[in-house]
Amino acid sequence: MAFKFENLKVWQAAVELSGEVSGLVKTFPKTEMFVLSSQIQRASDSVSLNIAEGSTGQSNAEFRRFLGIALRSALEVVCCLHLGRRRGLISNEDFDRFYLRLTQLVKGIQALRNSIR
């Protein structure tokens, strides 16, 4: 792979998650298209985008900052999952599956961030 971020497991997991979120929001009603559907998709995309942007040619401090943004975006996705479940848009099974994936992704981002000094 040509770019540093492409070898990062957290980036790979974030891209995979974003694809799965894309499939999930396709099941949402059209009334949510510009509300929760858009928000959760943008937040999930933001995770991988910030990991990639921070990893390329930045200082360690700058990379840590972008990982912090990616972390906050991942937590935004968690909040969107809660909202979707409360609105009856996300089943408990899907919620649990995504929640577990996000828990693992957040831990991975935190570990990478802590390893950079």
C-alpha atoms as a PDB file:
ATOM      1  CA  MET A   1       0.000   0.000   0.000  1.00  0.00           C
ATOM      2  CA  ALA A   2       1.245   3.436  -0.879  1.00  0.00           C
ATOM      3  CA  PHE A   3       0.139   5.537   2.081  1.00  0.00           C
ATOM      4  CA  LYS A   4       1.042   5.095   5.740  1.00  0.00           C
ATOM      5  CA  PHE A   5      -2.561   5.181   6.955  1.00  0.00           C
ATOM      6  CA  GLU A   6      -3.579   2.282   4.706  1.00  0.00           C
ATOM      7  CA  ASN A   7      -1.528  -0.057   6.888  1.00  0.00           C
ATOM      8  CA  LEU A   8      -3.149   1.106  10.120  1.00  0.00           C
ATOM      9  CA  LYS A   9      -5.610  -1.443  11.521  1.00  0.00           C
ATOM     10  CA  VAL A  10      -7.746   1.340  13.002  1.00  0.00           C
ATOM     11  CA  TRP A  11      -8.070   3.001   9.596  1.00  0.00           C
ATOM     12  CA  GLN A  12      -9.027  -0.309   7.978  1.00  0.00           C
ATOM     13  CA  ALA A  13     -11.618  -0.949  10.708  1.00  0.00           C
ATOM     14  CA  ALA A  14     -12.990   2.584  10.326  1.00  0.00           C
ATOM     15  CA  VAL A  15     -13.408   2.185   6.553  1.00  0.00           C
ATOM     16  CA  GLU A  16     -15.157  -1.143   7.077  1.00  0.00           C
ATOM     17  CA  LEU A  17     -17.444   0.371   9.699  1.00  0.00           C
ATOM     18  CA  SER A  18     -18.325   3.258   7.392  1.00  0.00           C
ATOM     19  CA  GLY A  19     -19.391   0.810   4.698  1.00  0.00           C
ATOM     20  CA  GLU A  20     -21.581  -1.047   7.158  1.00  0.00           C
ATOM     21  CA  VAL A  21     -23.133   2.197   8.388  1.00  0.00           C
ATOM     22  CA  SER A  22     -23.908   3.050   4.772  1.00  0.00           C
ATOM     23  CA  GLY A  23     -25.850  -0.194   4.465  1.00  0.00           C
ATOM     24  CA  LEU A  24     -27.656   0.464   7.737  1.00  0.00           C
ATOM     25  CA  VAL A  25     -28.869   3.949   6.808  1.00  0.00           C
ATOM     26  CA  LYS A  26     -30.305   2.646   3.550  1.00  0.00           C
ATOM     27  CA  THR A  27     -32.948   0.955   5.706  1.00  0.00           C
ATOM     28  CA  PHE A  28     -33.958   4.258   7.347  1.00  0.00           C
ATOM     29  CA  PRO A  29     -37.106   6.006   6.107  1.00  0.00           C
ATOM     30  CA  LYS A  30     -36.746   8.901   3.679  1.00  0.00           C
ATOM     31  CA  THR A  31     -37.824  11.317   6.414  1.00  0.00           C
ATOM     32  CA  GLU A  32     -34.459  10.652   8.095  1.00  0.00           C
ATOM     33  CA  MET A  33     -32.408  11.248   4.930  1.00  0.00           C
ATOM     34  CA  PHE A  34     -31.271  14.732   5.900  1.00  0.00           C
ATOM     35  CA  VAL A  35     -31.412  14.119   9.619  1.00  0.00           C
ATOM     36  CA  LEU A  36     -30.015  11.013  11.315  1.00  0.00           C
ATOM     37  CA  SER A  37     -29.035   9.166   8.116  1.00  0.00           C
ATOM     38  CA  SER A  38     -26.808  12.004   7.006  1.00  0.00           C
ATOM     39  CA  GLN A  39     -25.371  12.621  10.470  1.00  0.00           C
ATOM     40  CA  ILE A  40     -24.384   9.031  11.232  1.00  0.00           C
ATOM     41  CA  GLN A  41     -22.881   8.539   7.762  1.00  0.00           C
ATOM     42  CA  ARG A  42     -20.840  11.750   7.960  1.00  0.00           C
ATOM     43  CA  ALA A  43     -19.635  10.912  11.465  1.00  0.00           C
ATOM     44  CA  SER A  44     -18.607   7.379  10.488  1.00  0.00           C
ATOM     45  CA  ASP A  45     -16.807   8.684   7.375  1.00  0.00           C
ATOM     46  CA  SER A  46     -15.061  11.277   9.523  1.00  0.00           C
ATOM     47  CA  VAL A  47     -13.336   8.592  11.594  1.00  0.00           C
ATOM     48  CA  SER A  48     -11.304   7.163   8.700  1.00  0.00           C
ATOM     49  CA  LEU A  49     -10.843  10.564   7.056  1.00  0.00           C
ATOM     50  CA  ASN A  50      -9.267  12.060  10.167  1.00  0.00           C
ATOM     51  CA  ILE A  51      -7.003   9.070  10.724  1.00  0.00           C
ATOM     52  CA  ALA A  52      -5.784   9.380   7.132  1.00  0.00           C
ATOM     53  CA  GLU A  53      -5.345  13.141   7.227  1.00  0.00           C
ATOM     54  CA  GLY A  54      -3.472  13.105  10.513  1.00  0.00           C
ATOM     55  CA  SER A  55      -1.082  10.349   9.501  1.00  0.00           C
ATOM     56  CA  THR A  56       0.373  12.007   6.430  1.00  0.00           C
ATOM     57  CA  GLY A  57       3.341  14.265   6.951  1.00  0.00           C
ATOM     58  CA  GLN A  58       2.162  15.695  10.234  1.00  0.00           C
ATOM     59  CA  SER A  59       4.058  15.986  13.478  1.00  0.00           C
ATOM     60  CA  ASN A  60       3.286  13.464  16.198  1.00  0.00           C
ATOM     61  CA  ALA A  61       1.360  16.138  18.087  1.00  0.00           C
ATOM     62  CA  GLU A  62      -0.723  16.882  15.001  1.00  0.00           C
ATOM     63  CA  PHE A  63      -1.375  13.178  14.379  1.00  0.00           C
ATOM     64  CA  ARG A  64      -2.528  12.827  17.996  1.00  0.00           C
ATOM     65  CA  ARG A  65      -4.869  15.786  17.488  1.00  0.00           C
ATOM     66  CA  PHE A  66      -6.437  14.196  14.398  1.00  0.00           C
ATOM     67  CA  LEU A  67      -6.794  10.882  16.232  1.00  0.00           C
ATOM     68  CA  GLY A  68      -8.655  12.811  18.930  1.00  0.00           C
ATOM     69  CA  ILE A  69     -11.035  14.150  16.272  1.00  0.00           C
ATOM     70  CA  ALA A  70     -11.484  10.608  14.893  1.00  0.00           C
ATOM     71  CA  LEU A  71     -12.236   9.398  18.407  1.00  0.00           C
ATOM     72  CA  ARG A  72     -14.884  12.068  18.925  1.00  0.00           C
ATOM     73  CA  SER A  73     -16.447  11.193  15.564  1.00  0.00           C
ATOM     74  CA  ALA A  74     -16.634   7.530  16.602  1.00  0.00           C
ATOM     75  CA  LEU A  75     -18.397   8.561  19.800  1.00  0.00           C
ATOM     76  CA  GLU A  76     -20.797  10.646  17.712  1.00  0.00           C
ATOM     77  CA  VAL A  77     -21.675   7.478  15.796  1.00  0.00           C
ATOM     78  CA  VAL A  78     -22.396   5.759  19.134  1.00  0.00           C
ATOM     79  CA  CYS A  79     -24.775   8.577  20.053  1.00  0.00           C
ATOM     80  CA  CYS A  80     -26.469   8.300  16.642  1.00  0.00           C
ATOM     81  CA  LEU A  81     -26.969   4.588  17.274  1.00  0.00           C
ATOM     82  CA  HIS A  82     -28.744   5.384  20.527  1.00  0.00           C
ATOM     83  CA  LEU A  83     -30.966   7.928  18.777  1.00  0.00           C
ATOM     84  CA  GLY A  84     -31.725   5.481  15.981  1.00  0.00           C
ATOM     85  CA  ARG A  85     -32.681   2.750  18.408  1.00  0.00           C
ATOM     86  CA  ARG A  86     -34.909   5.112  20.397  1.00  0.00           C
ATOM     87  CA  ARG A  87     -36.648   6.174  17.173  1.00  0.00           C
ATOM     88  CA  GLY A  88     -37.231   2.556  16.203  1.00  0.00           C
ATOM     89  CA  LEU A  89     -34.874   2.766  13.214  1.00  0.00           C
ATOM     90  CA  ILE A  90     -32.239   0.368  14.530  1.00  0.00           C
ATOM     91  CA  SER A  91     -32.979  -3.044  15.959  1.00  0.00           C
ATOM     92  CA  ASN A  92     -31.456  -4.110  19.252  1.00  0.00           C
ATOM     93  CA  GLU A  93     -29.436  -6.717  17.360  1.00  0.00           C
ATOM     94  CA  ASP A  94     -27.965  -4.141  14.957  1.00  0.00           C
ATOM     95  CA  PHE A  95     -27.381  -1.727  17.820  1.00  0.00           C
ATOM     96  CA  ASP A  96     -25.432  -4.339  19.784  1.00  0.00           C
ATOM     97  CA  ARG A  97     -23.383  -5.346  16.738  1.00  0.00           C
ATOM     98  CA  PHE A  98     -22.420  -1.771  15.862  1.00  0.00           C
ATOM     99  CA  TYR A  99     -21.854  -0.854  19.502  1.00  0.00           C
ATOM    100  CA  LEU A 100     -19.360  -3.689  19.902  1.00  0.00           C
ATOM    101  CA  ARG A 101     -17.547  -2.704  16.684  1.00  0.00           C
ATOM    102  CA  LEU A 102     -17.351   0.907  17.821  1.00  0.00           C
ATOM    103  CA  THR A 103     -16.121  -0.075  21.280  1.00  0.00           C
ATOM    104  CA  GLN A 104     -13.268  -2.001  19.663  1.00  0.00           C
ATOM    105  CA  LEU A 105     -12.519   0.832  17.228  1.00  0.00           C
ATOM    106  CA  VAL A 106     -12.458   3.451  19.995  1.00  0.00           C
ATOM    107  CA  LYS A 107     -10.064   1.303  22.033  1.00  0.00           C
ATOM    108  CA  GLY A 108      -7.834   0.915  18.975  1.00  0.00           C
ATOM    109  CA  ILE A 109      -7.763   4.648  18.288  1.00  0.00           C
ATOM    110  CA  GLN A 110      -7.018   5.366  21.946  1.00  0.00           C
ATOM    111  CA  ALA A 111      -4.182   2.814  21.970  1.00  0.00           C
ATOM    112  CA  LEU A 112      -2.658   4.286  18.814  1.00  0.00           C
ATOM    113  CA  ARG A 113      -3.023   7.804  20.180  1.00  0.00           C
ATOM    114  CA  ASN A 114      -1.378   6.802  23.478  1.00  0.00           C
ATOM    115  CA  SER A 115       1.514   5.168  21.632  1.00  0.00           C
ATOM    116  CA  ILE A 116       2.416   8.400  19.851  1.00  0.00           C
ATOM    117  CA  ARG A 117       4.540  10.791  21.888  1.00  0.00           C
END
